[in-house]
């Protein structure tokens, strides 16, 4: 009987630990990931007012708007072949 109680306690501890890790991911990490994905998608389809290219070929565009016309701020394109519509 002691062994069964010990195994049940370890099962409860394991389930609580997994739930805590899942809650931490969902509440702390997932919003950042989702925001990053949204920003990347919006910048890929952005219409921007002014863009500059630095010596490394990175293009930074300001006053960008997404396809809905909402202001998304600044977008950075790592590849100079990817360009926002000016």
C-alpha atoms as a PDB file:
ATOM      1  CA  UNK A   1       0.000   0.000   0.000  1.00  0.00           C
ATOM      2  CA  UNK A   2       2.889   2.373   0.739  1.00  0.00           C
ATOM      3  CA  UNK A   3       4.300   1.811  -2.739  1.00  0.00           C
ATOM      4  CA  UNK A   4       0.964   2.628  -4.373  1.00  0.00           C
ATOM      5  CA  UNK A   5       0.675   5.830  -2.350  1.00  0.00           C
ATOM      6  CA  UNK A   6       4.225   6.822  -3.288  1.00  0.00           C
ATOM      7  CA  UNK A   7       3.575   6.217  -6.970  1.00  0.00           C
ATOM      8  CA  UNK A   8       0.351   8.220  -6.807  1.00  0.00           C
ATOM      9  CA  UNK A   9       2.189  11.117  -5.143  1.00  0.00           C
ATOM     10  CA  UNK A  10       4.879  11.087  -7.852  1.00  0.00           C
ATOM     11  CA  UNK A  11       2.183  11.018 -10.543  1.00  0.00           C
ATOM     12  CA  UNK A  12       0.484  14.047  -8.987  1.00  0.00           C
ATOM     13  CA  UNK A  13       3.819  15.879  -8.711  1.00  0.00           C
ATOM     14  CA  UNK A  14       4.593  15.090 -12.373  1.00  0.00           C
ATOM     15  CA  UNK A  15       1.177  16.249 -13.590  1.00  0.00           C
ATOM     16  CA  UNK A  16       1.430  19.490 -11.585  1.00  0.00           C
ATOM     17  CA  UNK A  17       4.957  20.129 -12.908  1.00  0.00           C
ATOM     18  CA  UNK A  18       3.862  19.570 -16.523  1.00  0.00           C
ATOM     19  CA  UNK A  19       0.867  21.867 -15.988  1.00  0.00           C
ATOM     20  CA  UNK A  20       3.138  24.569 -14.528  1.00  0.00           C
ATOM     21  CA  UNK A  21       5.519  24.400 -17.499  1.00  0.00           C
ATOM     22  CA  UNK A  22       2.586  24.492 -19.906  1.00  0.00           C
ATOM     23  CA  UNK A  23       1.050  27.495 -18.159  1.00  0.00           C
ATOM     24  CA  UNK A  24       4.387  29.337 -18.174  1.00  0.00           C
ATOM     25  CA  UNK A  25       4.786  28.697 -21.913  1.00  0.00           C
ATOM     26  CA  UNK A  26       1.226  29.764 -22.681  1.00  0.00           C
ATOM     27  CA  UNK A  27       1.295  32.912 -20.536  1.00  0.00           C
ATOM     28  CA  UNK A  28       4.912  34.113 -20.894  1.00  0.00           C
ATOM     29  CA  UNK A  29       6.455  32.743 -24.076  1.00  0.00           C
ATOM     30  CA  UNK A  30       3.597  32.213 -26.548  1.00  0.00           C
ATOM     31  CA  UNK A  31       2.497  35.903 -26.704  1.00  0.00           C
ATOM     32  CA  UNK A  32       6.025  36.900 -27.779  1.00  0.00           C
ATOM     33  CA  UNK A  33       6.155  34.190 -30.437  1.00  0.00           C
ATOM     34  CA  UNK A  34       2.704  35.127 -31.736  1.00  0.00           C
ATOM     35  CA  UNK A  35       3.626  38.828 -31.836  1.00  0.00           C
ATOM     36  CA  UNK A  36       6.809  38.058 -33.770  1.00  0.00           C
ATOM     37  CA  UNK A  37       4.935  35.949 -36.322  1.00  0.00           C
ATOM     38  CA  UNK A  38       2.308  38.662 -36.782  1.00  0.00           C
ATOM     39  CA  UNK A  39       4.968  41.370 -37.217  1.00  0.00           C
ATOM     40  CA  UNK A  40       6.867  39.269 -39.787  1.00  0.00           C
ATOM     41  CA  UNK A  41       3.696  38.595 -41.754  1.00  0.00           C
ATOM     42  CA  UNK A  42       2.650  42.244 -41.669  1.00  0.00           C
ATOM     43  CA  UNK A  43       6.112  43.420 -42.774  1.00  0.00           C
ATOM     44  CA  UNK A  44       6.205  40.924 -45.640  1.00  0.00           C
ATOM     45  CA  UNK A  45       3.058  42.538 -47.061  1.00  0.00           C
ATOM     46  CA  UNK A  46       3.690  46.107 -45.914  1.00  0.00           C
ATOM     47  CA  UNK A  47       3.299  49.322 -47.813  1.00  0.00           C
ATOM     48  CA  UNK A  48       5.854  51.834 -46.501  1.00  0.00           C
ATOM     49  CA  UNK A  49       6.412  55.557 -46.975  1.00  0.00           C
ATOM     50  CA  UNK A  50      10.211  55.747 -46.789  1.00  0.00           C
ATOM     51  CA  UNK A  51      12.959  53.139 -46.930  1.00  0.00           C
ATOM     52  CA  UNK A  52      16.741  53.251 -46.519  1.00  0.00           C
ATOM     53  CA  UNK A  53      19.396  50.619 -47.243  1.00  0.00           C
ATOM     54  CA  UNK A  54      22.567  50.346 -45.156  1.00  0.00           C
ATOM     55  CA  UNK A  55      26.008  49.143 -46.335  1.00  0.00           C
ATOM     56  CA  UNK A  56      25.221  45.536 -45.369  1.00  0.00           C
ATOM     57  CA  UNK A  57      22.164  45.497 -47.631  1.00  0.00           C
ATOM     58  CA  UNK A  58      19.601  45.601 -44.815  1.00  0.00           C
ATOM     59  CA  UNK A  59      16.617  47.676 -45.775  1.00  0.00           C
ATOM     60  CA  UNK A  60      14.723  49.582 -43.082  1.00  0.00           C
ATOM     61  CA  UNK A  61      11.330  51.020 -43.938  1.00  0.00           C
ATOM     62  CA  UNK A  62       9.427  53.553 -41.840  1.00  0.00           C
ATOM     63  CA  UNK A  63       5.772  54.506 -41.615  1.00  0.00           C
ATOM     64  CA  UNK A  64       4.624  51.057 -42.744  1.00  0.00           C
ATOM     65  CA  UNK A  65       1.003  49.972 -42.997  1.00  0.00           C
ATOM     66  CA  UNK A  66      -0.370  46.437 -43.238  1.00  0.00           C
ATOM     67  CA  UNK A  67      -2.906  45.280 -45.823  1.00  0.00           C
ATOM     68  CA  UNK A  68      -5.758  46.550 -43.615  1.00  0.00           C
ATOM     69  CA  UNK A  69      -4.221  50.037 -43.537  1.00  0.00           C
ATOM     70  CA  UNK A  70      -3.233  49.788 -39.861  1.00  0.00           C
ATOM     71  CA  UNK A  71       0.057  51.421 -38.849  1.00  0.00           C
ATOM     72  CA  UNK A  72       2.713  48.787 -37.984  1.00  0.00           C
ATOM     73  CA  UNK A  73       5.673  51.143 -37.562  1.00  0.00           C
ATOM     74  CA  UNK A  74       9.109  50.119 -38.837  1.00  0.00           C
ATOM     75  CA  UNK A  75       9.988  46.997 -40.829  1.00  0.00           C
ATOM     76  CA  UNK A  76      13.475  45.614 -41.393  1.00  0.00           C
ATOM     77  CA  UNK A  77      14.228  43.421 -44.413  1.00  0.00           C
ATOM     78  CA  UNK A  78      17.398  41.298 -44.156  1.00  0.00           C
ATOM     79  CA  UNK A  79      17.612  40.621 -47.885  1.00  0.00           C
ATOM     80  CA  UNK A  80      17.808  43.613 -50.170  1.00  0.00           C
ATOM     81  CA  UNK A  81      15.784  41.679 -52.791  1.00  0.00           C
ATOM     82  CA  UNK A  82      12.802  41.690 -50.423  1.00  0.00           C
ATOM     83  CA  UNK A  83      11.374  45.146 -50.660  1.00  0.00           C
ATOM     84  CA  UNK A  84       8.291  46.838 -49.374  1.00  0.00           C
ATOM     85  CA  UNK A  85       6.260  48.765 -51.859  1.00  0.00           C
ATOM     86  CA  UNK A  86       7.312  52.398 -51.714  1.00  0.00           C
END
